[in-house]
Amino acid sequence: MKTTCSPAKVLTAFTAMMLAGSLVGCDAAANAFEIMEAAPGVAAEAPSPGGDAANALVQLESLPVKGRAPKTGYTRDEFGPAWADVDRNGCDTRNDILARDMTDETFKPGTNNCVVMTGTLADKYTGTTITFTRGQDTSSDVQIDHIVALNDAWQKGAQQLSDDQRKELANDPLNLMAADGRTNSAKGDKDAATWLPPNKGFRCEYVTRQTAVKAKYRLWVTQAEHDAVAGILEGCR
């Protein structure tokens, strides 16, 4: 039986290869490419979390430590339209990430496997399994979280980014993850100093990815945030 990939999962495989090259070196990118060639019908399940804890600690020390800038001027529109099709694959970013992070997905007929109708999420924030069904009263059960919240990014350097850079940040697969809706809402715009995933087993990857995102977009951290992230990473090694 021939295995096919949705446009979202083809995008994920390419993204994972590129992130591997930029975050963990050329050898990792080459290995990712070899895997893709060997099994063209299989896409990577998630972007690289930005290397192991030791590398993340080095990356953390490269981030400036400053106080928060004012929230003045922040609106969601400063990061472009929500869930735009920035990669022009025919699917909006929300559906790309749903398809990447869930299993057993079904898609709305006639959407070229873009609009996710049902699926199963192994939620990393809570460690629970969520059955997703698209609908007016159920779609919010699974939300797409910005691992570095946009409001937090705005107060820590994103005001100085261009419109296109902020739009890229808001739609970057490295900074996005399908998550339990209630837990994501509880997180809000908090950083690692004020909120961590209830699932302690995910905290190492969580702060590693936050650090990678902030390094990629030249954002800064507060002293309290720096210390919180460093403390977690020290325990991950």
C-alpha atoms as a PDB file:
ATOM      1  CA  MET A   1       0.000   0.000   0.000  1.00  0.00           C
ATOM      2  CA  LYS A   2       1.355   3.393  -0.951  1.00  0.00           C
ATOM      3  CA  THR A   3       1.814   5.839   1.941  1.00  0.00           C
ATOM      4  CA  THR A   4       0.964   9.478   1.276  1.00  0.00           C
ATOM      5  CA  CYS A   5       1.543  12.619   3.278  1.00  0.00           C
ATOM      6  CA  SER A   6      -0.679  15.629   3.695  1.00  0.00           C
ATOM      7  CA  PRO A   7       0.794  19.015   2.648  1.00  0.00           C
ATOM      8  CA  ALA A   8       1.092  19.824   6.364  1.00  0.00           C
ATOM      9  CA  LYS A   9       3.295  16.789   7.036  1.00  0.00           C
ATOM     10  CA  VAL A  10       5.479  17.425   3.982  1.00  0.00           C
ATOM     11  CA  LEU A  11       6.001  20.938   5.388  1.00  0.00           C
ATOM     12  CA  THR A  12       6.893  19.452   8.772  1.00  0.00           C
ATOM     13  CA  ALA A  13       9.571  17.188   7.304  1.00  0.00           C
ATOM     14  CA  PHE A  14      11.223  20.084   5.502  1.00  0.00           C
ATOM     15  CA  THR A  15      10.979  22.331   8.562  1.00  0.00           C
ATOM     16  CA  ALA A  16      12.523  19.699  10.803  1.00  0.00           C
ATOM     17  CA  MET A  17      15.455  19.292   8.379  1.00  0.00           C
ATOM     18  CA  MET A  18      16.096  23.023   8.236  1.00  0.00           C
ATOM     19  CA  LEU A  19      15.822  23.455  12.009  1.00  0.00           C
ATOM     20  CA  ALA A  20      18.205  20.588  12.524  1.00  0.00           C
ATOM     21  CA  GLY A  21      20.799  22.343  10.406  1.00  0.00           C
ATOM     22  CA  SER A  22      20.418  25.697  12.121  1.00  0.00           C
ATOM     23  CA  LEU A  23      20.129  24.440  15.695  1.00  0.00           C
ATOM     24  CA  VAL A  24      22.188  21.283  16.010  1.00  0.00           C
ATOM     25  CA  GLY A  25      24.594  21.297  13.078  1.00  0.00           C
ATOM     26  CA  CYS A  26      25.012  20.197   9.493  1.00  0.00           C
ATOM     27  CA  ASP A  27      25.458  16.504  10.317  1.00  0.00           C
ATOM     28  CA  ALA A  28      22.000  16.379  11.867  1.00  0.00           C
ATOM     29  CA  ALA A  29      20.518  18.075   8.806  1.00  0.00           C
ATOM     30  CA  ALA A  30      22.222  15.547   6.528  1.00  0.00           C
ATOM     31  CA  ASN A  31      20.890  12.666   8.617  1.00  0.00           C
ATOM     32  CA  ALA A  32      17.383  14.105   8.488  1.00  0.00           C
ATOM     33  CA  PHE A  33      17.614  14.398   4.704  1.00  0.00           C
ATOM     34  CA  GLU A  34      18.812  10.780   4.398  1.00  0.00           C
ATOM     35  CA  ILE A  35      15.853   9.613   6.483  1.00  0.00           C
ATOM     36  CA  MET A  36      13.457  11.549   4.279  1.00  0.00           C
ATOM     37  CA  GLU A  37      14.952  10.002   1.132  1.00  0.00           C
ATOM     38  CA  ALA A  38      14.803   6.501   2.604  1.00  0.00           C
ATOM     39  CA  ALA A  39      11.145   6.862   3.624  1.00  0.00           C
ATOM     40  CA  PRO A  40       9.518   9.595   1.510  1.00  0.00           C
ATOM     41  CA  GLY A  41       6.054   8.817   2.859  1.00  0.00           C
ATOM     42  CA  VAL A  42       6.990   9.492   6.488  1.00  0.00           C
ATOM     43  CA  ALA A  43       7.210  13.036   7.849  1.00  0.00           C
ATOM     44  CA  ALA A  44       8.931  14.158  11.021  1.00  0.00           C
ATOM     45  CA  GLU A  45       6.508  14.323  13.926  1.00  0.00           C
ATOM     46  CA  ALA A  46       7.780  17.572  15.475  1.00  0.00           C
ATOM     47  CA  PRO A  47      10.453  20.238  14.971  1.00  0.00           C
ATOM     48  CA  SER A  48      13.774  19.945  16.718  1.00  0.00           C
ATOM     49  CA  PRO A  49      13.536  21.240  20.287  1.00  0.00           C
ATOM     50  CA  GLY A  50      16.789  23.116  19.798  1.00  0.00           C
ATOM     51  CA  GLY A  51      19.358  20.578  21.006  1.00  0.00           C
ATOM     52  CA  ASP A  52      19.979  19.008  24.412  1.00  0.00           C
ATOM     53  CA  ALA A  53      20.026  20.772  27.755  1.00  0.00           C
ATOM     54  CA  ALA A  54      23.756  21.531  27.642  1.00  0.00           C
ATOM     55  CA  ASN A  55      23.416  23.256  24.274  1.00  0.00           C
ATOM     56  CA  ALA A  56      20.315  25.090  25.479  1.00  0.00           C
ATOM     57  CA  LEU A  57      22.245  26.402  28.485  1.00  0.00           C
ATOM     58  CA  VAL A  58      24.896  27.797  26.149  1.00  0.00           C
ATOM     59  CA  GLN A  59      22.150  29.339  24.025  1.00  0.00           C
ATOM     60  CA  LEU A  60      20.488  30.804  27.110  1.00  0.00           C
ATOM     61  CA  GLU A  61      23.692  32.594  28.092  1.00  0.00           C
ATOM     62  CA  SER A  62      23.734  34.288  24.682  1.00  0.00           C
ATOM     63  CA  LEU A  63      20.381  35.981  25.370  1.00  0.00           C
ATOM     64  CA  PRO A  64      20.402  39.529  26.740  1.00  0.00           C
ATOM     65  CA  VAL A  65      18.945  39.910  30.234  1.00  0.00           C
ATOM     66  CA  LYS A  66      16.722  42.973  30.559  1.00  0.00           C
ATOM     67  CA  GLY A  67      13.509  44.165  32.149  1.00  0.00           C
ATOM     68  CA  ARG A  68      10.199  43.959  30.348  1.00  0.00           C
ATOM     69  CA  ALA A  69       9.315  46.735  27.953  1.00  0.00           C
ATOM     70  CA  PRO A  70       5.818  48.238  28.308  1.00  0.00           C
ATOM     71  CA  LYS A  71       2.878  46.439  26.717  1.00  0.00           C
ATOM     72  CA  THR A  72       1.993  49.708  25.031  1.00  0.00           C
ATOM     73  CA  GLY A  73       0.941  49.191  21.430  1.00  0.00           C
ATOM     74  CA  TYR A  74       0.501  45.422  21.612  1.00  0.00           C
ATOM     75  CA  THR A  75      -2.304  43.825  19.638  1.00  0.00           C
ATOM     76  CA  ARG A  76      -2.469  40.410  18.017  1.00  0.00           C
ATOM     77  CA  ASP A  77      -2.548  42.202  14.653  1.00  0.00           C
ATOM     78  CA  GLU A  78       1.064  43.313  15.200  1.00  0.00           C
ATOM     79  CA  PHE A  79       2.013  39.706  14.380  1.00  0.00           C
ATOM     80  CA  GLY A  80      -0.077  39.492  11.231  1.00  0.00           C
ATOM     81  CA  PRO A  81      -3.434  37.792  10.646  1.00  0.00           C
ATOM     82  CA  ALA A  82      -4.085  34.797  12.865  1.00  0.00           C
ATOM     83  CA  TRP A  83      -3.209  31.474  11.238  1.00  0.00           C
ATOM     84  CA  ALA A  84      -2.307  32.762   7.804  1.00  0.00           C
ATOM     85  CA  ASP A  85      -1.077  30.370   5.134  1.00  0.00           C
ATOM     86  CA  VAL A  86       2.437  31.809   5.291  1.00  0.00           C
ATOM     87  CA  ASP A  87       4.110  28.830   3.604  1.00  0.00           C
ATOM     88  CA  ARG A  88       1.556  28.872   0.757  1.00  0.00           C
ATOM     89  CA  ASN A  89       0.895  25.155   0.980  1.00  0.00           C
ATOM     90  CA  GLY A  90      -2.857  25.703   0.829  1.00  0.00           C
ATOM     91  CA  CYS A  91      -3.417  25.086   4.556  1.00  0.00           C
ATOM     92  CA  ASP A  92      -3.563  27.679   7.313  1.00  0.00           C
ATOM     93  CA  THR A  93      -1.058  27.407  10.160  1.00  0.00           C
ATOM     94  CA  ARG A  94      -3.575  26.107  12.726  1.00  0.00           C
ATOM     95  CA  ASN A  95      -4.449  23.130  10.544  1.00  0.00           C
ATOM     96  CA  ASP A  96      -0.778  22.542   9.700  1.00  0.00           C
ATOM     97  CA  ILE A  97       0.048  22.197  13.408  1.00  0.00           C
ATOM     98  CA  LEU A  98      -3.030  20.106  14.207  1.00  0.00           C
ATOM     99  CA  ALA A  99      -2.024  17.689  11.444  1.00  0.00           C
ATOM    100  CA  ARG A 100       1.578  17.633  12.647  1.00  0.00           C
ATOM    101  CA  ASP A 101       0.878  17.067  16.342  1.00  0.00           C
ATOM    102  CA  MET A 102      -2.111  14.712  16.269  1.00  0.00           C
ATOM    103  CA  THR A 103      -2.529  11.122  15.145  1.00  0.00           C
ATOM    104  CA  ASP A 104      -5.400   9.337  13.412  1.00  0.00           C
ATOM    105  CA  GLU A 105      -6.460  12.566  11.740  1.00  0.00           C
ATOM    106  CA  THR A 106      -9.398  12.823   9.395  1.00  0.00           C
ATOM    107  CA  PHE A 107      -9.824  15.742   7.011  1.00  0.00           C
ATOM    108  CA  LYS A 108     -12.750  17.631   5.566  1.00  0.00           C
ATOM    109  CA  PRO A 109     -13.448  16.336   2.060  1.00  0.00           C
ATOM    110  CA  GLY A 110     -12.458  18.669  -0.736  1.00  0.00           C
ATOM    111  CA  THR A 111      -9.787  20.535   1.271  1.00  0.00           C
ATOM    112  CA  ASN A 112      -6.774  18.604  -0.066  1.00  0.00           C
ATOM    113  CA  ASN A 113      -6.179  17.122   3.406  1.00  0.00           C
ATOM    114  CA  CYS A 114      -5.968  20.563   5.015  1.00  0.00           C
ATOM    115  CA  VAL A 115      -8.927  21.057   7.335  1.00  0.00           C
ATOM    116  CA  VAL A 116      -8.574  18.655  10.263  1.00  0.00           C
ATOM    117  CA  MET A 117     -11.924  17.289  11.413  1.00  0.00           C
ATOM    118  CA  THR A 118     -10.924  14.725  14.059  1.00  0.00           C
ATOM    119  CA  GLY A 119      -7.771  13.352  15.641  1.00  0.00           C
ATOM    120  CA  THR A 120      -6.048  12.250  18.820  1.00  0.00           C
ATOM    121  CA  LEU A 121      -3.625  14.478  20.710  1.00  0.00           C
ATOM    122  CA  ALA A 122      -1.061  13.181  23.192  1.00  0.00           C
ATOM    123  CA  ASP A 123      -1.002  16.476  25.069  1.00  0.00           C
ATOM    124  CA  LYS A 124       2.478  17.393  26.260  1.00  0.00           C
ATOM    125  CA  TYR A 125       1.337  20.041  28.737  1.00  0.00           C
ATOM    126  CA  THR A 126      -0.800  17.680  30.793  1.00  0.00           C
ATOM    127  CA  GLY A 127       0.403  14.222  29.799  1.00  0.00           C
ATOM    128  CA  THR A 128      -3.165  13.260  28.910  1.00  0.00           C
ATOM    129  CA  THR A 129      -4.795  12.081  25.685  1.00  0.00           C
ATOM    130  CA  ILE A 130      -7.428  14.297  24.070  1.00  0.00           C
ATOM    131  CA  THR A 131      -9.889  13.225  21.397  1.00  0.00           C
ATOM    132  CA  PHE A 132     -10.385  16.181  19.040  1.00  0.00           C
ATOM    133  CA  THR A 133     -13.537  16.865  17.043  1.00  0.00           C
ATOM    134  CA  ARG A 134     -13.894  20.018  14.984  1.00  0.00           C
ATOM    135  CA  GLY A 135     -17.040  21.957  15.870  1.00  0.00           C
ATOM    136  CA  GLN A 136     -18.416  25.125  17.379  1.00  0.00           C
ATOM    137  CA  ASP A 137     -18.386  23.720  20.909  1.00  0.00           C
ATOM    138  CA  THR A 138     -15.413  21.353  20.641  1.00  0.00           C
ATOM    139  CA  SER A 139     -12.660  22.930  18.524  1.00  0.00           C
ATOM    140  CA  SER A 140     -11.355  24.889  21.526  1.00  0.00           C
ATOM    141  CA  ASP A 141     -10.581  21.633  23.346  1.00  0.00           C
ATOM    142  CA  VAL A 142      -7.313  21.677  21.399  1.00  0.00           C
ATOM    143  CA  GLN A 143      -5.667  25.045  20.878  1.00  0.00           C
ATOM    144  CA  ILE A 144      -2.437  26.030  19.156  1.00  0.00           C
ATOM    145  CA  ASP A 145      -0.081  27.504  21.731  1.00  0.00           C
ATOM    146  CA  HIS A 146       2.713  29.960  21.055  1.00  0.00           C
ATOM    147  CA  ILE A 147       5.430  28.475  23.245  1.00  0.00           C
ATOM    148  CA  VAL A 148       6.862  31.978  23.535  1.00  0.00           C
ATOM    149  CA  ALA A 149       3.652  33.943  23.958  1.00  0.00           C
ATOM    150  CA  LEU A 150       3.293  36.817  21.512  1.00  0.00           C
ATOM    151  CA  ASN A 151       2.633  39.365  24.244  1.00  0.00           C
ATOM    152  CA  ASP A 152       5.736  38.167  26.071  1.00  0.00           C
ATOM    153  CA  ALA A 153       7.732  38.433  22.852  1.00  0.00           C
ATOM    154  CA  TRP A 154       6.385  41.958  22.309  1.00  0.00           C
ATOM    155  CA  GLN A 155       7.716  43.054  25.696  1.00  0.00           C
ATOM    156  CA  LYS A 156      11.108  41.428  25.101  1.00  0.00           C
ATOM    157  CA  GLY A 157      12.262  42.669  21.754  1.00  0.00           C
ATOM    158  CA  ALA A 158       9.602  41.918  19.150  1.00  0.00           C
ATOM    159  CA  GLN A 159       8.625  45.576  19.003  1.00  0.00           C
ATOM    160  CA  GLN A 160      11.903  46.122  17.172  1.00  0.00           C
ATOM    161  CA  LEU A 161      11.244  43.367  14.617  1.00  0.00           C
ATOM    162  CA  SER A 162       9.802  44.120  11.210  1.00  0.00           C
ATOM    163  CA  ASP A 163       6.197  43.245  10.376  1.00  0.00           C
ATOM    164  CA  ASP A 164       7.374  40.266   8.329  1.00  0.00           C
ATOM    165  CA  GLN A 165       9.602  39.008  11.143  1.00  0.00           C
ATOM    166  CA  ARG A 166       6.759  39.196  13.663  1.00  0.00           C
ATOM    167  CA  LYS A 167       4.484  37.338  11.255  1.00  0.00           C
ATOM    168  CA  GLU A 168       7.158  34.660  10.871  1.00  0.00           C
ATOM    169  CA  LEU A 169       7.479  34.364  14.663  1.00  0.00           C
ATOM    170  CA  ALA A 170       3.721  33.936  15.060  1.00  0.00           C
ATOM    171  CA  ASN A 171       3.633  31.125  12.486  1.00  0.00           C
ATOM    172  CA  ASP A 172       6.975  29.415  13.136  1.00  0.00           C
ATOM    173  CA  PRO A 173       6.483  25.650  13.763  1.00  0.00           C
ATOM    174  CA  LEU A 174       9.290  25.788  16.334  1.00  0.00           C
ATOM    175  CA  ASN A 175       7.144  28.146  18.414  1.00  0.00           C
ATOM    176  CA  LEU A 176       3.843  26.316  17.949  1.00  0.00           C
ATOM    177  CA  MET A 177       2.292  23.268  19.538  1.00  0.00           C
ATOM    178  CA  ALA A 178      -1.183  21.783  19.774  1.00  0.00           C
ATOM    179  CA  ALA A 179      -2.193  21.761  23.418  1.00  0.00           C
ATOM    180  CA  ASP A 180      -5.043  21.236  25.844  1.00  0.00           C
ATOM    181  CA  GLY A 181      -7.244  24.302  25.552  1.00  0.00           C
ATOM    182  CA  ARG A 182      -7.830  24.937  29.260  1.00  0.00           C
ATOM    183  CA  THR A 183      -4.141  24.584  30.096  1.00  0.00           C
ATOM    184  CA  ASN A 184      -3.149  26.878  27.268  1.00  0.00           C
ATOM    185  CA  SER A 185      -5.638  29.485  28.460  1.00  0.00           C
ATOM    186  CA  ALA A 186      -4.228  29.239  31.991  1.00  0.00           C
ATOM    187  CA  LYS A 187      -0.737  29.858  30.634  1.00  0.00           C
ATOM    188  CA  GLY A 188      -1.775  33.057  28.866  1.00  0.00           C
ATOM    189  CA  ASP A 189       1.226  35.287  28.152  1.00  0.00           C
ATOM    190  CA  LYS A 190       3.348  34.057  31.078  1.00  0.00           C
ATOM    191  CA  ASP A 191       7.036  33.234  30.759  1.00  0.00           C
ATOM    192  CA  ALA A 192       8.950  30.396  32.432  1.00  0.00           C
ATOM    193  CA  ALA A 193       9.373  32.391  35.634  1.00  0.00           C
ATOM    194  CA  THR A 194       5.621  32.475  36.205  1.00  0.00           C
ATOM    195  CA  TRP A 195       4.256  29.378  34.432  1.00  0.00           C
ATOM    196  CA  LEU A 196       5.493  25.883  33.627  1.00  0.00           C
ATOM    197  CA  PRO A 197       3.649  22.886  32.162  1.00  0.00           C
ATOM    198  CA  PRO A 198       1.885  20.748  34.787  1.00  0.00           C
ATOM    199  CA  ASN A 199       3.511  17.726  33.134  1.00  0.00           C
ATOM    200  CA  LYS A 200       6.994  17.909  34.670  1.00  0.00           C
ATOM    201  CA  GLY A 201       8.345  15.446  32.123  1.00  0.00           C
ATOM    202  CA  PHE A 202       7.879  18.035  29.369  1.00  0.00           C
ATOM    203  CA  ARG A 203       9.534  20.970  31.111  1.00  0.00           C
ATOM    204  CA  CYS A 204      13.026  20.318  29.724  1.00  0.00           C
ATOM    205  CA  GLU A 205      11.787  20.381  26.135  1.00  0.00           C
ATOM    206  CA  TYR A 206       9.498  23.324  26.880  1.00  0.00           C
ATOM    207  CA  VAL A 207      12.204  25.686  28.116  1.00  0.00           C
ATOM    208  CA  THR A 208      14.657  24.413  25.496  1.00  0.00           C
ATOM    209  CA  ARG A 209      12.236  25.400  22.762  1.00  0.00           C
ATOM    210  CA  GLN A 210      11.520  28.761  24.403  1.00  0.00           C
ATOM    211  CA  THR A 211      15.251  29.445  24.489  1.00  0.00           C
ATOM    212  CA  ALA A 212      15.668  28.418  20.854  1.00  0.00           C
ATOM    213  CA  VAL A 213      12.827  30.707  19.750  1.00  0.00           C
ATOM    214  CA  LYS A 214      14.177  33.695  21.679  1.00  0.00           C
ATOM    215  CA  ALA A 215      17.646  33.140  20.252  1.00  0.00           C
ATOM    216  CA  LYS A 216      16.304  32.786  16.701  1.00  0.00           C
ATOM    217  CA  TYR A 217      14.390  36.081  16.863  1.00  0.00           C
ATOM    218  CA  ARG A 218      16.948  37.935  19.006  1.00  0.00           C
ATOM    219  CA  LEU A 219      14.589  38.421  21.941  1.00  0.00           C
ATOM    220  CA  TRP A 220      15.669  38.830  25.551  1.00  0.00           C
ATOM    221  CA  VAL A 221      14.774  37.326  28.930  1.00  0.00           C
ATOM    222  CA  THR A 222      14.216  38.869  32.340  1.00  0.00           C
ATOM    223  CA  GLN A 223      16.539  37.904  35.182  1.00  0.00           C
ATOM    224  CA  ALA A 224      13.802  35.858  36.846  1.00  0.00           C
ATOM    225  CA  GLU A 225      13.069  34.083  33.565  1.00  0.00           C
ATOM    226  CA  HIS A 226      16.767  33.407  32.942  1.00  0.00           C
ATOM    227  CA  ASP A 227      17.162  31.900  36.402  1.00  0.00           C
ATOM    228  CA  ALA A 228      14.038  29.738  36.064  1.00  0.00           C
ATOM    229  CA  VAL A 229      15.101  28.362  32.684  1.00  0.00           C
ATOM    230  CA  ALA A 230      18.683  27.770  33.842  1.00  0.00           C
ATOM    231  CA  GLY A 231      17.471  25.906  36.923  1.00  0.00           C
ATOM    232  CA  ILE A 232      15.320  23.573  34.860  1.00  0.00           C
ATOM    233  CA  LEU A 233      18.035  22.941  32.255  1.00  0.00           C
ATOM    234  CA  GLU A 234      20.591  22.173  34.946  1.00  0.00           C
ATOM    235  CA  GLY A 235      18.301  19.429  36.166  1.00  0.00           C
ATOM    236  CA  CYS A 236      17.837  18.031  32.649  1.00  0.00           C
ATOM    237  CA  ARG A 237      21.477  17.179  31.967  1.00  0.00           C
END
